[in-house]
Amino acid sequence: MAGRTVTDSAGRTWTCVPAMVASSDETGPMGKDVVLTCSTPSVVEPARVTVGWQWQTMSDNGLARIVSLASPVPRQ
């Protein structure tokens, strides 16, 4: 699964990649939530968010809003 890069309303550019989770389910990720790890240079700790399995097709603004709300305080 590929990652995505989105820009939030504060102008921070976030790079999000899915966390690798081993699963014994043959059906794969369809219908299962995905945990993303999103990072940006201005925040020390990456934000971890859980999104729906079709997260790659959601709008950039929607994903950026979710990440921004979950992000730790930016470093100064």
PDB file of N, CA and C in Angstrom:
ATOM      1  N   MET A   1       0.840  -1.173   0.000  1.00  0.00           N
ATOM      2  CA  MET A   1       0.000   0.000   0.000  1.00  0.00           C
ATOM      3  C   MET A   1       0.889   1.242   0.000  1.00  0.00           C
ATOM      4  N   ALA A   2       0.609   2.166  -0.876  1.00  0.00           N
ATOM      5  CA  ALA A   2       1.409   3.384  -0.979  1.00  0.00           C
ATOM      6  C   ALA A   2       0.964   4.421   0.045  1.00  0.00           C
ATOM      7  N   GLY A   3       1.802   5.392   0.276  1.00  0.00           N
ATOM      8  CA  GLY A   3       1.487   6.479   1.189  1.00  0.00           C
ATOM      9  C   GLY A   3       0.893   7.666   0.438  1.00  0.00           C
ATOM     10  N   ARG A   4       0.575   8.692   1.203  1.00  0.00           N
ATOM     11  CA  ARG A   4       0.029   9.926   0.634  1.00  0.00           C
ATOM     12  C   ARG A   4       0.666  11.110   1.326  1.00  0.00           C
ATOM     13  N   THR A   5       0.724  12.226   0.621  1.00  0.00           N
ATOM     14  CA  THR A   5       1.203  13.476   1.190  1.00  0.00           C
ATOM     15  C   THR A   5       0.070  14.489   1.080  1.00  0.00           C
ATOM     16  N   VAL A   6      -0.273  15.127   2.217  1.00  0.00           N
ATOM     17  CA  VAL A   6      -1.343  16.124   2.255  1.00  0.00           C
ATOM     18  C   VAL A   6      -0.853  17.348   3.020  1.00  0.00           C
ATOM     19  N   THR A   7      -1.487  18.494   2.757  1.00  0.00           N
ATOM     20  CA  THR A   7      -1.141  19.741   3.435  1.00  0.00           C
ATOM     21  C   THR A   7      -2.347  20.209   4.231  1.00  0.00           C
ATOM     22  N   ASP A   8      -2.139  20.486   5.540  1.00  0.00           N
ATOM     23  CA  ASP A   8      -3.255  20.916   6.390  1.00  0.00           C
ATOM     24  C   ASP A   8      -3.469  22.429   6.286  1.00  0.00           C
ATOM     25  N   SER A   9      -4.473  22.926   6.979  1.00  0.00           N
ATOM     26  CA  SER A   9      -4.837  24.344   6.913  1.00  0.00           C
ATOM     27  C   SER A   9      -3.762  25.253   7.498  1.00  0.00           C
ATOM     28  N   ALA A  10      -2.852  24.706   8.307  1.00  0.00           N
ATOM     29  CA  ALA A  10      -1.746  25.492   8.870  1.00  0.00           C
ATOM     30  C   ALA A  10      -0.543  25.513   7.934  1.00  0.00           C
ATOM     31  N   GLY A  11      -0.641  24.832   6.796  1.00  0.00           N
ATOM     32  CA  GLY A  11       0.438  24.810   5.824  1.00  0.00           C
ATOM     33  C   GLY A  11       1.473  23.724   6.050  1.00  0.00           C
ATOM     34  N   ARG A  12       1.228  22.833   7.022  1.00  0.00           N
ATOM     35  CA  ARG A  12       2.164  21.733   7.274  1.00  0.00           C
ATOM     36  C   ARG A  12       1.916  20.617   6.274  1.00  0.00           C
ATOM     37  N   THR A  13       2.992  20.088   5.709  1.00  0.00           N
ATOM     38  CA  THR A  13       2.893  18.979   4.768  1.00  0.00           C
ATOM     39  C   THR A  13       3.135  17.681   5.516  1.00  0.00           C
ATOM     40  N   TRP A  14       2.145  16.796   5.479  1.00  0.00           N
ATOM     41  CA  TRP A  14       2.186  15.520   6.187  1.00  0.00           C
ATOM     42  C   TRP A  14       2.390  14.386   5.195  1.00  0.00           C
ATOM     43  N   THR A  15       3.277  13.472   5.536  1.00  0.00           N
ATOM     44  CA  THR A  15       3.462  12.252   4.755  1.00  0.00           C
ATOM     45  C   THR A  15       2.892  11.111   5.580  1.00  0.00           C
ATOM     46  N   CYS A  16       1.900  10.437   5.011  1.00  0.00           N
ATOM     47  CA  CYS A  16       1.196   9.370   5.731  1.00  0.00           C
ATOM     48  C   CYS A  16       1.449   8.024   5.061  1.00  0.00           C
ATOM     49  N   VAL A  17       1.782   7.039   5.883  1.00  0.00           N
ATOM     50  CA  VAL A  17       1.981   5.675   5.404  1.00  0.00           C
ATOM     51  C   VAL A  17       1.226   4.731   6.326  1.00  0.00           C
ATOM     52  N   PRO A  18       0.684   3.668   5.776  1.00  0.00           N
ATOM     53  CA  PRO A  18      -0.019   2.698   6.621  1.00  0.00           C
ATOM     54  C   PRO A  18       0.954   1.917   7.485  1.00  0.00           C
ATOM     55  N   ALA A  19       0.545   1.649   8.714  1.00  0.00           N
ATOM     56  CA  ALA A  19       1.334   0.800   9.610  1.00  0.00           C
ATOM     57  C   ALA A  19       1.192  -0.631   9.109  1.00  0.00           C
ATOM     58  N   MET A  20       2.275  -1.352   9.085  1.00  0.00           N
ATOM     59  CA  MET A  20       2.226  -2.739   8.631  1.00  0.00           C
ATOM     60  C   MET A  20       1.716  -3.621   9.758  1.00  0.00           C
ATOM     61  N   VAL A  21       0.622  -4.294   9.491  1.00  0.00           N
ATOM     62  CA  VAL A  21       0.036  -5.191  10.477  1.00  0.00           C
ATOM     63  C   VAL A  21      -0.123  -6.556   9.836  1.00  0.00           C
ATOM     64  N   ALA A  22       0.458  -7.548  10.451  1.00  0.00           N
ATOM     65  CA  ALA A  22       0.324  -8.910   9.932  1.00  0.00           C
ATOM     66  C   ALA A  22      -1.080  -9.411  10.211  1.00  0.00           C
ATOM     67  N   SER A  23      -1.675 -10.023   9.212  1.00  0.00           N
ATOM     68  CA  SER A  23      -3.028 -10.537   9.368  1.00  0.00           C
ATOM     69  C   SER A  23      -3.121 -11.934   8.765  1.00  0.00           C
ATOM     70  N   SER A  24      -3.833 -12.801   9.443  1.00  0.00           N
ATOM     71  CA  SER A  24      -4.023 -14.148   8.916  1.00  0.00           C
ATOM     72  C   SER A  24      -5.328 -14.240   8.125  1.00  0.00           C
ATOM     73  N   ASP A  25      -6.038 -13.139   8.006  1.00  0.00           N
ATOM     74  CA  ASP A  25      -7.310 -13.112   7.291  1.00  0.00           C
ATOM     75  C   ASP A  25      -7.062 -13.088   5.790  1.00  0.00           C
ATOM     76  N   GLU A  26      -7.621 -14.027   5.051  1.00  0.00           N
ATOM     77  CA  GLU A  26      -7.405 -14.107   3.613  1.00  0.00           C
ATOM     78  C   GLU A  26      -8.095 -12.987   2.849  1.00  0.00           C
ATOM     79  N   THR A  27      -9.057 -12.313   3.453  1.00  0.00           N
ATOM     80  CA  THR A  27      -9.809 -11.291   2.731  1.00  0.00           C
ATOM     81  C   THR A  27      -9.008 -10.016   2.555  1.00  0.00           C
ATOM     82  N   GLY A  28      -7.891  -9.863   3.211  1.00  0.00           N
ATOM     83  CA  GLY A  28      -7.069  -8.671   3.057  1.00  0.00           C
ATOM     84  C   GLY A  28      -7.668  -7.471   3.752  1.00  0.00           C
ATOM     85  N   PRO A  29      -7.243  -6.273   3.337  1.00  0.00           N
ATOM     86  CA  PRO A  29      -7.654  -5.068   4.047  1.00  0.00           C
ATOM     87  C   PRO A  29      -9.065  -4.580   3.719  1.00  0.00           C
ATOM     88  N   MET A  30      -9.725  -5.151   2.722  1.00  0.00           N
ATOM     89  CA  MET A  30     -11.042  -4.660   2.344  1.00  0.00           C
ATOM     90  C   MET A  30     -12.010  -4.692   3.526  1.00  0.00           C
ATOM     91  N   GLY A  31     -12.586  -3.534   3.833  1.00  0.00           N
ATOM     92  CA  GLY A  31     -13.549  -3.439   4.917  1.00  0.00           C
ATOM     93  C   GLY A  31     -12.936  -3.263   6.284  1.00  0.00           C
ATOM     94  N   LYS A  32     -11.622  -3.231   6.374  1.00  0.00           N
ATOM     95  CA  LYS A  32     -10.952  -3.086   7.670  1.00  0.00           C
ATOM     96  C   LYS A  32     -10.335  -1.699   7.779  1.00  0.00           C
ATOM     97  N   ASP A  33     -10.393  -1.125   8.975  1.00  0.00           N
ATOM     98  CA  ASP A  33      -9.764   0.164   9.210  1.00  0.00           C
ATOM     99  C   ASP A  33      -8.253   0.042   9.067  1.00  0.00           C
ATOM    100  N   VAL A  34      -7.628   1.165   8.736  1.00  0.00           N
ATOM    101  CA  VAL A  34      -6.182   1.219   8.540  1.00  0.00           C
ATOM    102  C   VAL A  34      -5.604   2.238   9.514  1.00  0.00           C
ATOM    103  N   VAL A  35      -4.493   1.903  10.147  1.00  0.00           N
ATOM    104  CA  VAL A  35      -3.788   2.838  11.027  1.00  0.00           C
ATOM    105  C   VAL A  35      -2.682   3.488  10.204  1.00  0.00           C
ATOM    106  N   LEU A  36      -2.702   4.820  10.144  1.00  0.00           N
ATOM    107  CA  LEU A  36      -1.677   5.569   9.416  1.00  0.00           C
ATOM    108  C   LEU A  36      -0.730   6.235  10.397  1.00  0.00           C
ATOM    109  N   THR A  37       0.525   6.295  10.017  1.00  0.00           N
ATOM    110  CA  THR A  37       1.518   7.073  10.746  1.00  0.00           C
ATOM    111  C   THR A  37       1.867   8.245   9.840  1.00  0.00           C
ATOM    112  N   CYS A  38       1.609   9.462  10.333  1.00  0.00           N
ATOM    113  CA  CYS A  38       1.807  10.663   9.530  1.00  0.00           C
ATOM    114  C   CYS A  38       2.837  11.560  10.194  1.00  0.00           C
ATOM    115  N   SER A  39       3.793  12.024   9.414  1.00  0.00           N
ATOM    116  CA  SER A  39       4.856  12.853   9.980  1.00  0.00           C
ATOM    117  C   SER A  39       5.054  14.115   9.151  1.00  0.00           C
ATOM    118  N   THR A  40       5.575  15.138   9.817  1.00  0.00           N
ATOM    119  CA  THR A  40       5.913  16.414   9.208  1.00  0.00           C
ATOM    120  C   THR A  40       7.132  16.959   9.947  1.00  0.00           C
ATOM    121  N   PRO A  41       7.986  17.711   9.300  1.00  0.00           N
ATOM    122  CA  PRO A  41       9.211  18.198   9.950  1.00  0.00           C
ATOM    123  C   PRO A  41       8.979  19.074  11.184  1.00  0.00           C
ATOM    124  N   SER A  42       7.851  19.765  11.261  1.00  0.00           N
ATOM    125  CA  SER A  42       7.639  20.696  12.375  1.00  0.00           C
ATOM    126  C   SER A  42       7.079  20.047  13.635  1.00  0.00           C
ATOM    127  N   VAL A  43       6.817  18.745  13.601  1.00  0.00           N
ATOM    128  CA  VAL A  43       6.274  18.033  14.758  1.00  0.00           C
ATOM    129  C   VAL A  43       7.217  16.872  15.088  1.00  0.00           C
ATOM    130  N   VAL A  44       7.625  16.800  16.360  1.00  0.00           N
ATOM    131  CA  VAL A  44       8.597  15.783  16.778  1.00  0.00           C
ATOM    132  C   VAL A  44       8.042  14.372  16.634  1.00  0.00           C
ATOM    133  N   GLU A  45       6.894  14.113  17.220  1.00  0.00           N
ATOM    134  CA  GLU A  45       6.283  12.781  17.197  1.00  0.00           C
ATOM    135  C   GLU A  45       5.307  12.661  16.030  1.00  0.00           C
ATOM    136  N   PRO A  46       5.311  11.550  15.315  1.00  0.00           N
ATOM    137  CA  PRO A  46       4.329  11.370  14.245  1.00  0.00           C
ATOM    138  C   PRO A  46       2.918  11.206  14.813  1.00  0.00           C
ATOM    139  N   ALA A  47       1.948  11.606  14.032  1.00  0.00           N
ATOM    140  CA  ALA A  47       0.544  11.418  14.411  1.00  0.00           C
ATOM    141  C   ALA A  47       0.102  10.044  13.924  1.00  0.00           C
ATOM    142  N   ARG A  48      -0.635   9.336  14.762  1.00  0.00           N
ATOM    143  CA  ARG A  48      -1.194   8.035  14.379  1.00  0.00           C
ATOM    144  C   ARG A  48      -2.705   8.195  14.334  1.00  0.00           C
ATOM    145  N   VAL A  49      -3.285   7.876  13.179  1.00  0.00           N
ATOM    146  CA  VAL A  49      -4.725   8.006  13.009  1.00  0.00           C
ATOM    147  C   VAL A  49      -5.288   6.719  12.418  1.00  0.00           C
ATOM    148  N   THR A  50      -6.520   6.427  12.772  1.00  0.00           N
ATOM    149  CA  THR A  50      -7.214   5.279  12.212  1.00  0.00           C
ATOM    150  C   THR A  50      -8.247   5.803  11.225  1.00  0.00           C
ATOM    151  N   VAL A  51      -8.188   5.282  10.009  1.00  0.00           N
ATOM    152  CA  VAL A  51      -9.092   5.722   8.950  1.00  0.00           C
ATOM    153  C   VAL A  51      -9.728   4.500   8.301  1.00  0.00           C
ATOM    154  N   GLY A  52     -10.715   4.730   7.492  1.00  0.00           N
ATOM    155  CA  GLY A  52     -11.392   3.644   6.795  1.00  0.00           C
ATOM    156  C   GLY A  52     -10.503   3.014   5.733  1.00  0.00           C
ATOM    157  N   TRP A  53     -10.874   1.845   5.282  1.00  0.00           N
ATOM    158  CA  TRP A  53     -10.049   1.078   4.349  1.00  0.00           C
ATOM    159  C   TRP A  53      -9.908   1.749   2.996  1.00  0.00           C
ATOM    160  N   GLN A  54     -10.776   2.685   2.660  1.00  0.00           N
ATOM    161  CA  GLN A  54     -10.670   3.404   1.386  1.00  0.00           C
ATOM    162  C   GLN A  54     -10.023   4.778   1.582  1.00  0.00           C
ATOM    163  N   TRP A  55      -9.099   4.876   2.524  1.00  0.00           N
ATOM    164  CA  TRP A  55      -8.459   6.140   2.861  1.00  0.00           C
ATOM    165  C   TRP A  55      -7.710   6.755   1.680  1.00  0.00           C
ATOM    166  N   GLN A  56      -7.266   5.948   0.739  1.00  0.00           N
ATOM    167  CA  GLN A  56      -6.527   6.484  -0.400  1.00  0.00           C
ATOM    168  C   GLN A  56      -7.417   7.273  -1.351  1.00  0.00           C
ATOM    169  N   THR A  57      -8.722   7.094  -1.262  1.00  0.00           N
ATOM    170  CA  THR A  57      -9.622   7.816  -2.150  1.00  0.00           C
ATOM    171  C   THR A  57     -10.319   8.987  -1.454  1.00  0.00           C
ATOM    172  N   MET A  58     -10.085   9.182  -0.156  1.00  0.00           N
ATOM    173  CA  MET A  58     -10.713  10.307   0.537  1.00  0.00           C
ATOM    174  C   MET A  58     -10.040  11.606   0.114  1.00  0.00           C
ATOM    175  N   SER A  59     -10.726  12.723   0.277  1.00  0.00           N
ATOM    176  CA  SER A  59     -10.185  14.006  -0.157  1.00  0.00           C
ATOM    177  C   SER A  59      -8.935  14.377   0.635  1.00  0.00           C
ATOM    178  N   ASP A  60      -8.042  15.126  -0.009  1.00  0.00           N
ATOM    179  CA  ASP A  60      -6.834  15.589   0.668  1.00  0.00           C
ATOM    180  C   ASP A  60      -7.178  16.436   1.884  1.00  0.00           C
ATOM    181  N   ASN A  61      -8.171  17.313   1.736  1.00  0.00           N
ATOM    182  CA  ASN A  61      -8.570  18.174   2.860  1.00  0.00           C
ATOM    183  C   ASN A  61      -9.102  17.364   4.035  1.00  0.00           C
ATOM    184  N   GLY A  62      -9.871  16.335   3.752  1.00  0.00           N
ATOM    185  CA  GLY A  62     -10.425  15.505   4.823  1.00  0.00           C
ATOM    186  C   GLY A  62      -9.348  14.755   5.580  1.00  0.00           C
ATOM    187  N   LEU A  63      -8.414  14.152   4.846  1.00  0.00           N
ATOM    188  CA  LEU A  63      -7.325  13.429   5.498  1.00  0.00           C
ATOM    189  C   LEU A  63      -6.437  14.394   6.282  1.00  0.00           C
ATOM    190  N   ALA A  64      -6.122  15.547   5.700  1.00  0.00           N
ATOM    191  CA  ALA A  64      -5.289  16.538   6.388  1.00  0.00           C
ATOM    192  C   ALA A  64      -5.950  17.025   7.671  1.00  0.00           C
ATOM    193  N   ARG A  65      -7.262  17.196   7.662  1.00  0.00           N
ATOM    194  CA  ARG A  65      -7.999  17.644   8.857  1.00  0.00           C
ATOM    195  C   ARG A  65      -7.923  16.595   9.962  1.00  0.00           C
ATOM    196  N   ILE A  66      -8.081  15.331   9.614  1.00  0.00           N
ATOM    197  CA  ILE A  66      -7.999  14.246  10.594  1.00  0.00           C
ATOM    198  C   ILE A  66      -6.602  14.201  11.218  1.00  0.00           C
ATOM    199  N   VAL A  67      -5.585  14.297  10.386  1.00  0.00           N
ATOM    200  CA  VAL A  67      -4.200  14.244  10.866  1.00  0.00           C
ATOM    201  C   VAL A  67      -3.891  15.449  11.749  1.00  0.00           C
ATOM    202  N   SER A  68      -4.313  16.622  11.326  1.00  0.00           N
ATOM    203  CA  SER A  68      -4.050  17.840  12.076  1.00  0.00           C
ATOM    204  C   SER A  68      -4.686  17.792  13.469  1.00  0.00           C
ATOM    205  N   LEU A  69      -5.882  17.265  13.556  1.00  0.00           N
ATOM    206  CA  LEU A  69      -6.566  17.154  14.843  1.00  0.00           C
ATOM    207  C   LEU A  69      -5.874  16.167  15.776  1.00  0.00           C
ATOM    208  N   ALA A  70      -5.249  15.150  15.210  1.00  0.00           N
ATOM    209  CA  ALA A  70      -4.580  14.127  16.016  1.00  0.00           C
ATOM    210  C   ALA A  70      -3.118  14.450  16.304  1.00  0.00           C
ATOM    211  N   SER A  71      -2.582  15.485  15.671  1.00  0.00           N
ATOM    212  CA  SER A  71      -1.143  15.742  15.786  1.00  0.00           C
ATOM    213  C   SER A  71      -0.743  16.306  17.130  1.00  0.00           C
ATOM    214  N   PRO A  72       0.464  15.967  17.562  1.00  0.00           N
ATOM    215  CA  PRO A  72       1.009  16.580  18.777  1.00  0.00           C
ATOM    216  C   PRO A  72       1.320  18.051  18.503  1.00  0.00           C
ATOM    217  N   VAL A  73       1.692  18.767  19.531  1.00  0.00           N
ATOM    218  CA  VAL A  73       2.007  20.184  19.406  1.00  0.00           C
ATOM    219  C   VAL A  73       3.265  20.347  18.545  1.00  0.00           C
ATOM    220  N   PRO A  74       3.263  21.297  17.593  1.00  0.00           N
ATOM    221  CA  PRO A  74       4.472  21.513  16.793  1.00  0.00           C
ATOM    222  C   PRO A  74       5.620  22.019  17.639  1.00  0.00           C
ATOM    223  N   ARG A  75       6.840  21.676  17.247  1.00  0.00           N
ATOM    224  CA  ARG A  75       7.999  22.203  17.975  1.00  0.00           C
ATOM    225  C   ARG A  75       8.237  23.641  17.528  1.00  0.00           C
ATOM    226  N   GLN A  76       8.896  24.408  18.374  1.00  0.00           N
ATOM    227  CA  GLN A  76       9.074  25.811  18.040  1.00  0.00           C
ATOM    228  C   GLN A  76      10.500  26.199  17.880  1.00  0.00           C
TER     229      GLN A  76
END
